[in-house]
Protein backbone atom coordinates (compact mmCIF):
# COMPACT_ATOMS: atom_id res chain seq x y z
CA MET A 1 -0.01 0.07 -0.06
CA LYS A 2 1.31 3.36 -1.06
CA SER A 3 1.55 5.88 1.62
CA LYS A 4 0.40 9.23 0.80
CA ARG A 5 2.73 12.14 0.03
CA ILE A 6 2.57 15.24 2.13
CA VAL A 7 3.00 18.34 0.41
CA GLY A 8 4.18 21.50 2.57
CA SER A 9 2.77 25.03 1.62
CA THR A 10 3.51 26.25 -1.62
CA ALA A 11 1.66 29.97 -0.74
CA PRO A 12 3.65 32.22 -2.65
CA ARG A 13 5.41 35.41 -0.92
CA ARG A 14 3.20 38.32 -0.62
CA GLU A 15 3.82 42.12 -0.36
CA PRO A 16 5.26 43.15 2.91
CA ASP A 17 2.45 44.00 5.64
CA ARG A 18 1.26 47.49 5.36
CA VAL A 19 2.49 48.22 9.01
CA LEU A 20 5.68 47.35 7.99
CA THR A 21 5.89 49.32 4.59
CA GLU A 22 4.44 52.07 6.58
CA ILE A 23 7.16 52.29 9.43
CA ALA A 24 9.99 51.84 6.57
CA ASP A 25 8.64 55.04 4.16
CA TYR A 26 8.20 56.91 7.71
CA VAL A 27 11.87 56.44 8.78
CA LEU A 28 13.25 57.13 5.30
CA GLN A 29 11.02 60.15 4.10
CA PHE A 30 9.80 62.03 7.08
CA ARG A 31 11.86 65.34 8.05
CA PRO A 32 10.34 66.89 11.39
CA GLY A 33 9.26 70.56 10.60
CA ARG A 34 7.75 71.71 13.76
CA ARG A 35 9.76 73.58 16.05
CA GLN A 36 8.37 71.98 18.93
CA ALA A 37 9.37 68.46 18.03
CA TRP A 38 13.04 69.65 17.62
CA SER A 39 12.76 71.46 21.10
CA ALA A 40 10.89 68.33 22.56
CA ALA A 41 13.84 66.12 21.58
CA HIS A 42 16.38 67.70 22.76
CA ASP A 43 14.64 67.92 26.40
CA CYS A 44 13.91 64.18 26.07
CA LEU A 45 17.70 63.78 25.19
CA ILE A 46 19.01 65.24 28.13
CA ASP A 47 16.59 64.14 30.76
CA SER A 48 17.45 60.78 29.48
CA LEU A 49 20.94 61.45 30.42
CA GLY A 50 20.22 62.96 33.24
CA CYS A 51 18.42 59.85 34.55
CA ALA A 52 21.68 57.72 33.46
CA PHE A 53 23.80 60.06 35.46
CA GLU A 54 21.67 59.09 38.66
CA ALA A 55 22.23 55.36 38.04
CA LEU A 56 25.96 55.77 38.19
CA ALA A 57 25.73 55.73 41.87
CA TYR A 58 23.98 52.30 42.03
CA PRO A 59 26.32 49.14 41.95
CA GLU A 60 23.34 47.03 41.13
CA CYS A 61 23.04 49.17 37.78
CA MET A 62 26.99 49.28 37.15
CA LYS A 63 27.45 45.49 37.27
CA LEU A 64 25.66 45.30 34.23
CA VAL A 65 27.28 48.05 32.56
CA GLY A 66 30.26 47.72 30.29
CA PRO A 67 32.00 44.79 27.97
CA VAL A 68 30.51 41.39 28.27
CA VAL A 69 34.13 40.03 28.29
CA PRO A 70 35.89 42.53 30.97
CA GLY A 71 38.34 44.60 29.50
CA THR A 72 37.41 44.47 25.96
CA ALA A 73 37.88 47.48 23.83
CA VAL A 74 36.68 48.17 20.27
CA PRO A 75 38.70 50.64 18.26
CA HIS A 76 36.14 53.66 17.08
CA GLY A 77 33.41 51.92 19.36
CA ALA A 78 30.58 53.87 20.74
CA ARG A 79 31.16 55.30 24.22
CA VAL A 80 29.13 54.64 27.38
CA PRO A 81 28.10 57.69 29.13
CA GLY A 82 29.68 58.51 32.46
CA THR A 83 32.08 55.68 32.11
CA PRO A 84 35.46 54.85 30.29
CA PHE A 85 33.85 52.25 28.26
CA GLN A 86 34.20 52.21 24.52
CA VAL A 87 32.62 49.28 22.72
CA ASP A 88 30.66 47.69 20.06
CA PRO A 89 27.21 49.50 19.54
CA VAL A 90 25.34 46.38 20.55
CA SER A 91 27.17 46.61 24.13
CA ALA A 92 26.98 50.36 24.43
CA THR A 93 23.09 50.11 23.80
CA PHE A 94 22.56 47.75 26.35
CA SER A 95 24.87 49.53 28.81
CA THR A 96 23.51 53.22 28.55
CA GLY A 97 20.08 51.32 28.01
CA ALA A 98 20.22 50.14 31.93
CA LEU A 99 21.58 53.16 33.16
CA ILE A 100 18.76 55.59 31.56
CA ARG A 101 15.94 53.34 32.87
CA TRP A 102 17.53 52.15 36.58
CA VAL A 103 16.00 54.43 38.57
CA ASP A 104 12.59 54.89 36.71
CA TYR A 105 12.83 58.50 35.97
CA SER A 106 12.54 58.90 32.38
CA ASP A 107 9.58 59.83 30.32
CA ALA A 108 7.09 57.88 29.37
CA PHE A 109 3.88 58.06 27.02
CA PHE A 110 0.46 56.03 27.59
CA GLY A 111 -2.54 55.04 25.39
CA ALA A 112 -3.74 51.69 25.31
CA THR A 113 -0.05 50.74 26.63
CA VAL A 114 1.75 52.69 28.73
CA MET A 115 5.34 53.31 26.95
CA HIS A 116 8.74 54.53 27.64
CA PRO A 117 10.10 56.14 24.39
CA SER A 118 13.11 57.60 25.85
CA ASP A 119 14.02 54.22 26.23
CA CYS A 120 15.50 54.35 22.24
CA PHE A 121 18.15 56.93 23.20
CA CYS A 122 20.54 54.30 24.12
CA ALA A 123 20.73 52.55 20.67
CA LEU A 124 20.36 55.94 18.93
CA LEU A 125 23.64 57.77 20.67
CA SER A 126 25.46 54.18 20.22
CA VAL A 127 24.92 53.46 16.86
CA ALA A 128 25.69 57.57 16.04
CA ASP A 129 28.68 57.50 18.20
CA TRP A 130 29.88 54.30 16.36
CA LEU A 131 29.16 55.34 12.83
CA SER A 132 30.64 59.01 13.63
CA ARG A 133 33.98 57.71 14.78
CA SER A 134 34.18 55.01 12.12
CA ARG A 135 33.67 58.00 9.79
CA LEU A 136 36.21 59.92 11.37
CA SER A 137 39.08 56.97 10.94
CA ASN A 138 38.07 56.82 7.04
CA GLY A 139 38.47 60.75 6.90
CA LYS A 140 34.90 61.36 6.46
CA PRO A 141 32.83 64.08 8.77
CA PRO A 142 30.99 62.35 11.69
CA LEU A 143 27.24 62.81 12.48
CA ALA A 144 26.07 65.73 13.94
CA MET A 145 23.63 65.56 17.22
CA ARG A 146 21.15 66.78 14.93
CA GLU A 147 20.89 63.17 13.31
CA VAL A 148 20.27 61.59 16.63
CA LEU A 149 17.37 64.14 17.65
CA ARG A 150 15.64 63.57 14.20
CA ALA A 151 16.32 59.71 14.92
CA ALA A 152 14.92 60.47 18.28
CA ILE A 153 11.66 62.16 17.01
CA GLN A 154 11.19 59.09 14.58
CA ALA A 155 11.53 56.21 17.06
CA TYR A 156 9.32 57.91 19.82
CA GLU A 157 6.30 58.13 17.19
CA ILE A 158 6.71 54.50 16.19
CA ILE A 159 6.71 53.31 19.84
CA GLY A 160 3.74 55.58 20.78
CA TRP A 161 1.93 54.77 17.24
CA LEU A 162 2.02 51.14 17.97
CA GLY A 163 0.90 51.71 21.49
CA GLU A 164 -1.72 53.95 21.85
CA ASP A 165 -4.42 52.19 20.17
CA ASN A 166 -2.94 48.57 20.83
CA ASN A 167 -3.20 47.19 24.06
CA PHE A 168 0.15 45.03 24.36
CA ASN A 169 -0.02 45.10 28.03
CA ALA A 170 -3.21 42.68 27.71
CA THR A 171 -1.61 40.10 25.61
CA GLY A 172 1.06 39.70 28.64
CA LEU A 173 4.14 40.81 26.62
CA ASP A 174 6.21 43.77 27.97
CA ASN A 175 6.03 46.91 26.38
CA VAL A 176 9.67 46.79 25.50
CA LEU A 177 9.22 45.07 22.52
CA LEU A 178 7.88 48.24 20.81
CA VAL A 179 11.38 49.76 21.60
CA LYS A 180 12.88 46.74 19.65
CA ILE A 181 10.76 47.59 16.77
CA ALA A 182 10.94 51.43 16.83
CA VAL A 183 15.26 50.93 17.14
CA ALA A 184 15.34 47.95 14.63
CA ALA A 185 13.78 50.91 11.99
CA VAL A 186 15.70 53.83 12.90
CA ALA A 187 19.06 52.05 13.41
CA THR A 188 18.87 50.48 10.30
CA ARG A 189 17.97 54.03 8.19
CA MET A 190 20.90 55.52 10.32
CA LEU A 191 23.34 52.68 9.20
CA GLY A 192 22.34 53.49 5.35
CA GLY A 193 19.84 50.47 4.96
CA ASN A 194 17.31 50.84 2.16
CA ARG A 195 13.71 50.41 2.23
CA GLU A 196 13.90 46.67 1.80
CA GLU A 197 16.42 46.33 4.62
CA ILE A 198 14.21 48.27 7.07
CA ILE A 199 11.42 46.32 6.43
CA SER A 200 13.79 43.27 6.96
CA ALA A 201 15.09 44.51 10.27
CA VAL A 202 11.43 45.24 11.36
CA SER A 203 9.94 41.88 10.30
CA ASN A 204 12.57 40.20 12.15
CA ALA A 205 12.02 42.44 15.18
CA TRP A 206 8.33 41.14 15.38
CA VAL A 207 9.37 37.17 14.39
CA ASP A 208 11.56 37.41 17.81
CA GLY A 209 10.61 36.00 21.00
CA HIS A 210 9.27 38.89 23.13
CA ALA A 211 9.79 39.49 27.05
CA LEU A 212 6.78 38.63 29.28
CA ALA A 213 5.82 41.49 31.27
CA THR A 214 6.03 38.91 34.48
CA PHE A 215 9.18 40.52 35.70
CA ARG A 216 7.01 43.62 36.33
CA ARG A 217 4.03 41.79 38.48
CA ALA A 218 3.75 40.01 41.52
CA PRO A 219 4.64 37.59 42.32
CA ASN A 220 8.12 37.93 39.87
CA THR A 221 8.73 41.70 40.37
CA GLY A 222 12.41 42.21 39.81
CA SER A 223 15.20 44.12 38.72
CA ARG A 224 14.90 42.97 35.13
CA LYS A 225 12.32 45.82 34.56
CA SER A 226 15.03 47.98 34.70
CA TRP A 227 17.03 46.41 31.99
CA SER A 228 14.41 44.84 29.88
CA SER A 229 14.46 47.70 27.68
CA ALA A 230 18.30 47.94 27.25
CA ASP A 231 18.04 44.11 25.97
CA ALA A 232 15.16 45.14 23.81
CA ALA A 233 17.20 47.96 21.99
CA SER A 234 20.21 46.35 21.84
CA ARG A 235 18.35 43.38 20.20
CA GLY A 236 17.03 46.21 17.45
CA VAL A 237 20.41 47.42 16.88
CA TRP A 238 21.76 43.80 16.24
CA LEU A 239 18.76 43.19 13.76
CA ALA A 240 19.42 46.46 12.14
CA LEU A 241 23.19 45.19 11.74
CA LEU A 242 22.11 42.05 10.14
CA ALA A 243 19.54 43.61 7.79
CA VAL A 244 22.57 46.13 6.29
CA LYS A 245 24.77 42.95 5.57
CA GLY A 246 21.53 41.67 3.56
CA GLU A 247 19.78 39.02 6.04
CA MET A 248 16.26 38.30 4.57
CA GLY A 249 13.01 39.57 6.25
CA TYR A 250 9.51 38.35 6.52
CA PRO A 251 7.17 40.29 4.51
CA THR A 252 3.89 38.78 6.56
CA ALA A 253 5.52 38.62 9.95
CA LEU A 254 2.26 40.19 11.19
CA SER A 255 -0.38 38.81 8.97
CA ALA A 256 0.36 35.45 8.05
CA LYS A 257 -2.49 32.87 8.71
CA THR A 258 -1.93 30.79 11.86
CA TRP A 259 1.78 31.89 12.53
CA GLY A 260 1.80 35.67 11.99
CA PHE A 261 2.03 37.96 15.03
CA TYR A 262 -1.78 39.00 14.88
CA ASP A 263 -3.21 34.99 14.95
CA VAL A 264 -0.25 34.07 17.67
CA ILE A 265 -0.56 37.15 20.02
CA PHE A 266 -3.29 39.18 19.14
CA LYS A 267 -6.38 36.59 18.39
CA GLY A 268 -6.34 37.30 14.83
CA ARG A 269 -7.06 41.17 15.45
CA PRO A 270 -4.92 43.45 13.34
CA PHE A 271 -3.34 46.63 14.86
CA ARG A 272 -5.60 49.90 14.91
CA PHE A 273 -4.30 53.39 14.38
CA SER A 274 -6.09 56.53 15.11
CA ARG A 275 -3.81 58.89 13.20
CA PRO A 276 -1.01 58.88 10.95
CA LEU A 277 2.75 59.10 11.91
CA GLY A 278 4.76 62.36 12.64
CA SER A 279 5.83 63.96 15.46
CA HIS A 280 2.94 63.77 17.94
CA VAL A 281 4.69 61.33 20.63
CA VAL A 282 7.88 63.26 21.35
CA GLU A 283 5.79 66.78 21.66
CA ASN A 284 3.64 65.06 24.11
CA ALA A 285 5.80 63.07 26.18
CA LEU A 286 5.09 62.84 29.91
CA PHE A 287 8.41 63.78 31.75
CA LYS A 288 8.77 62.84 35.31
CA ILE A 289 9.83 65.86 37.04
CA SER A 290 9.37 65.45 40.95
CA TYR A 291 9.42 61.67 41.68
CA PRO A 292 11.26 58.50 40.25
CA ALA A 293 8.13 56.74 40.46
CA ALA A 294 5.76 54.40 38.26
CA LEU A 295 3.84 56.56 35.77
CA HIS A 296 0.36 55.81 37.17
CA ALA A 297 1.82 57.24 40.77
CA GLN A 298 2.95 60.27 39.88
CA THR A 299 -0.14 62.34 40.77
CA ALA A 300 -0.68 60.01 43.94
CA VAL A 301 2.61 61.13 45.28
CA GLU A 302 2.00 64.87 45.05
CA ALA A 303 -1.35 64.50 46.54
CA ALA A 304 0.35 62.73 49.28
CA ILE A 305 3.19 65.10 49.54
CA LYS A 306 0.46 68.06 49.72
CA LEU A 307 -1.09 65.93 52.69
CA HIS A 308 1.97 65.45 54.63
CA PRO A 309 2.02 68.77 56.76
CA LEU A 310 -1.41 67.56 58.21
CA VAL A 311 -0.47 63.78 59.28
CA ARG A 312 3.28 64.13 59.90
CA ASP A 313 2.31 64.44 63.42
CA ARG A 314 -0.40 62.14 63.62
CA LEU A 315 0.83 59.20 62.01
CA ASP A 316 -0.07 57.00 64.91
CA ASP A 317 -3.83 58.24 64.90
CA ILE A 318 -4.27 57.19 61.09
CA LYS A 319 -7.60 55.12 60.98
CA ARG A 320 -7.79 54.54 56.95
CA VAL A 321 -6.17 56.09 53.52
CA GLU A 322 -8.34 56.36 50.71
CA LEU A 323 -6.94 56.50 47.56
CA TRP A 324 -8.90 57.00 43.99
CA THR A 325 -7.26 56.19 41.03
CA HIS A 326 -7.96 54.95 37.20
CA ALA A 327 -8.41 51.23 36.31
CA THR A 328 -4.97 51.14 34.50
CA CYS A 329 -3.29 51.89 38.00
CA ILE A 330 -5.32 49.52 39.62
CA LEU A 331 -4.23 47.04 37.18
CA MET A 332 -0.65 47.83 37.13
CA ILE A 333 0.67 48.95 40.77
CA ASP A 334 -2.02 48.24 43.36
CA LYS A 335 -0.20 46.00 45.74
CA GLN A 336 -1.12 44.30 48.89
CA GLY A 337 1.34 42.07 51.23
CA PRO A 338 5.08 41.55 51.19
CA LEU A 339 7.16 43.82 49.02
CA HIS A 340 10.69 42.07 48.31
CA ASN A 341 12.75 44.52 46.78
CA PHE A 342 13.39 47.96 44.85
CA ALA A 343 11.66 46.99 41.85
CA ASP A 344 8.60 45.71 43.86
CA ARG A 345 8.37 49.01 45.99
CA ASP A 346 8.74 51.38 42.98
CA HIS A 347 5.62 49.88 41.44
CA CYS A 348 3.50 49.73 44.34
CA LEU A 349 1.06 52.43 44.58
CA GLN A 350 0.44 51.94 48.52
CA TYR A 351 4.19 52.31 49.07
CA MET A 352 4.90 55.28 47.14
CA VAL A 353 1.81 57.06 48.74
CA ALA A 354 3.18 55.83 52.17
CA ILE A 355 6.43 57.69 51.75
CA GLY A 356 4.56 60.62 50.73
CA LEU A 357 2.92 60.90 53.56
CA ILE A 358 5.47 59.84 55.87
CA PHE A 359 8.47 61.94 54.86
CA GLY A 360 7.04 64.30 52.50
CA GLY A 361 9.27 63.77 49.69
CA LEU A 362 10.21 60.57 47.54
CA THR A 363 13.69 59.93 45.86
CA ALA A 364 15.07 56.54 44.74
CA ARG A 365 16.67 55.50 47.71
CA ASP A 366 13.39 55.51 49.64
CA TYR A 367 12.84 51.93 47.49
CA GLU A 368 16.13 50.34 49.16
CA ASP A 369 15.94 47.92 52.01
CA ALA A 370 17.22 50.65 54.59
CA VAL A 371 14.23 52.63 54.01
CA ALA A 372 11.83 50.06 53.58
CA ALA A 373 12.46 48.37 57.28
CA ASP A 374 10.75 51.43 58.78
CA PRO A 375 7.57 49.84 60.10
CA ARG A 376 5.44 52.97 59.78
CA ILE A 377 5.49 52.05 55.72
CA ASP A 378 3.62 48.88 56.21
CA ALA A 379 1.80 50.07 58.61
CA LEU A 380 0.23 52.59 57.02
CA ARG A 381 -0.26 50.42 53.56
CA ALA A 382 -2.18 48.10 55.65
CA LYS A 383 -4.95 51.05 56.31
CA MET A 384 -5.28 51.72 52.72
CA VAL A 385 -8.22 51.05 50.31
CA VAL A 386 -7.85 52.02 46.44
CA ARG A 387 -10.85 52.59 44.56
CA GLU A 388 -11.54 53.12 40.79
CA GLY A 389 -12.72 57.01 39.85
CA ARG A 390 -14.58 56.43 37.11
CA ARG A 391 -14.05 59.89 35.46
CA TYR A 392 -10.14 59.17 36.19
CA SER A 393 -10.50 55.85 34.08
CA ARG A 394 -12.53 57.77 31.39
CA ASP A 395 -9.99 60.57 30.92
CA TYR A 396 -6.83 58.52 31.36
CA LEU A 397 -8.14 56.65 28.01
CA ASP A 398 -9.40 60.03 26.31
CA PRO A 399 -6.45 61.11 23.67
CA ALA A 400 -7.79 64.68 24.17
CA ARG A 401 -7.17 64.85 27.82
CA ARG A 402 -4.68 61.66 28.79
CA SER A 403 -4.96 62.82 32.53
CA ASN A 404 -3.68 60.64 34.90
CA ALA A 405 -5.40 61.88 37.99
CA ASN A 406 -5.29 60.27 41.47
CA ALA A 407 -6.82 61.55 45.07
CA VAL A 408 -5.94 61.00 48.75
CA ARG A 409 -7.64 61.41 51.90
CA VAL A 410 -6.74 60.44 55.22
CA HIS A 411 -8.97 59.51 58.06
CA PHE A 412 -8.12 59.91 61.60
CA ALA A 413 -9.38 57.77 64.51
CA ASP A 414 -11.26 60.52 66.08
CA GLY A 415 -13.38 61.01 62.87
CA ALA A 416 -11.34 63.87 61.59
CA MET A 417 -10.41 63.76 58.12
CA THR A 418 -7.98 65.81 55.79
CA PRO A 419 -9.32 67.36 52.57
CA LYS A 420 -9.69 65.02 49.38
CA MET A 421 -6.23 65.73 47.88
CA GLU A 422 -6.66 65.73 43.85
CA VAL A 423 -4.14 65.86 41.16
CA GLU A 424 -5.31 65.75 37.75
CA TYR A 425 -2.10 66.00 35.57
CA PRO A 426 1.43 65.43 36.87
CA LEU A 427 4.21 68.04 36.87
CA GLY A 428 5.71 66.68 33.43
CA HIS A 429 2.50 66.49 31.33
CA ARG A 430 2.03 68.67 28.46
CA ALA A 431 -0.84 70.67 30.41
CA ARG A 432 1.88 71.71 33.06
CA ARG A 433 4.70 72.26 30.89
CA ARG A 434 5.25 76.14 32.16
CA GLU A 435 5.25 75.02 35.53
CA GLY A 436 7.27 71.85 34.80
CA MET A 437 10.25 72.93 32.28
CA PRO A 438 12.40 74.95 34.73
CA LEU A 439 11.99 71.95 37.05
CA LEU A 440 13.10 69.76 34.73
CA MET A 441 16.17 71.75 33.48
CA LYS A 442 17.21 71.63 37.53
CA LYS A 443 16.64 68.30 37.35
CA PHE A 444 19.11 67.26 35.01
CA GLU A 445 21.53 70.28 36.66
CA ASP A 446 21.49 68.24 39.52
CA SER A 447 22.29 64.87 38.09
CA VAL A 448 25.33 66.38 36.07
CA ASN A 449 26.49 68.11 39.45
CA ARG A 450 26.77 64.68 41.03
CA ALA A 451 28.35 62.56 38.42
CA PHE A 452 30.91 65.08 37.07
CA ALA A 453 33.86 67.22 38.45
CA PRO A 454 33.49 70.76 38.32
CA LYS A 455 35.37 71.59 34.93
CA GLN A 456 33.51 68.88 33.02
CA ARG A 457 30.24 69.57 34.71
CA ARG A 458 30.41 73.14 33.43
CA ALA A 459 31.59 72.02 29.92
CA VAL A 460 28.45 69.19 29.74
CA LEU A 461 26.10 71.90 31.00
CA ASP A 462 26.89 74.56 28.67
CA ALA A 463 26.66 72.16 25.53
CA CYS A 464 23.22 71.00 26.73
CA ALA A 465 22.02 74.18 27.52
CA ASP A 466 22.09 75.75 23.99
CA ARG A 467 19.97 73.99 21.85
CA SER A 468 21.59 75.17 18.35
CA ARG A 469 25.26 74.28 20.00
CA LEU A 470 24.02 70.47 20.38
CA ALA A 471 22.32 70.13 17.49
CA ALA A 472 25.48 71.08 15.70
CA MET A 473 28.21 69.42 17.62
CA SER A 474 29.34 66.22 16.29
CA VAL A 475 28.11 63.06 18.18
CA SER A 476 31.62 62.06 18.86
CA GLU A 477 32.41 65.28 20.38
CA PHE A 478 29.21 65.39 22.50
CA MET A 479 30.03 61.80 24.10
CA ASP A 480 33.43 62.39 24.68
CA LEU A 481 32.48 65.29 27.06
CA LEU A 482 30.37 62.80 28.92
CA ALA A 483 32.97 60.06 29.45
CA ALA A 484 34.61 59.26 32.78
């Protein structure tokens, strides 16, 4: 009896998915024309670098920084800010990315998915620095920092465009996959890649295995959340380098039946988009100015600190603390029970509010074991009741508002209570730009002052204060300014 011959699929290769071609055409053709976009990109750059300088003081971060093989140096390699390391662009991206995200103080953007588009800067600086030094070694002019700012505008936009209307958090995947997609596209263009090569890099980024968000959620919250974006960005750079060498792509990586991203991850639903690609995201980035805290807790911490003078002398008399927030905040950072580490605490709404009420402030050091050992913190957490404010949830998702409201009220044992302290928008929101920008600059200056000796400190601040000068400066010259 003859056996049946099994015939494999002979389906012809189709044209690339529209999302792939839209991203490729955007990074090749879009030239930012709005002054607001360039100005915002400058602010996002220096804020991201300031966060990196803060992380230099954390040994747990610094153990991740530098070459994979100790002692390795790469001729014409990319520098890692605040360190003596000069390594290949993939390693430099990882190191710089870990620095930028370690204290969770860099900018964010939110829609259906919560995103940190500032995570792209580690790749853009590293690729541009390596390219500039390679060009100089061959007698060619280096890239200007304006090219990094243009790349940032594009990377921010791709990240936000993908996440604004599509809920990647609901799939169980971490938002850093969007960083990988954006970096793969923009880095390929920076490396001289053509349309086909950009599509190849982006399709490979979609085909990749993606990080599970479990390291941000109980019971597994851990330090990977502080380097997951570095991992994603460095993978994006690696895929870009492969693409410009001619590595093939996968044109229907998203839409292929059964095996494509839509069917495997999104239950057969294609992505939705409510607007075209432009410069919207960088212009509306949400800066974390006052507190190194999870995005959703920014206004809750501000409200708690405003109540501090009313409760600091009555902590033992507190009977109940009411918190009102939006549904996404409850999903992401409403935590009860033991908190095991730094990463657990900086993603716990109740912990951050307790710190604000008790101490009248919040710094990254407040997440460390020494502070967390204060018994008043967990005692106060146990008295907190979290409720959803329906209007808060609506306005959080409303593209015209994008509020991030929280409110706090403290009840005492004798029946007295504080006012209900409500904060609609965090200080870094576009609605509070005039109030926030001077403080953003002070935040950057403080981080530079802590990281560098006086002469170098002055050089860094002078370069970053002059927008035109910084944009015209060569990437290699600027990165040399930041070296230890």
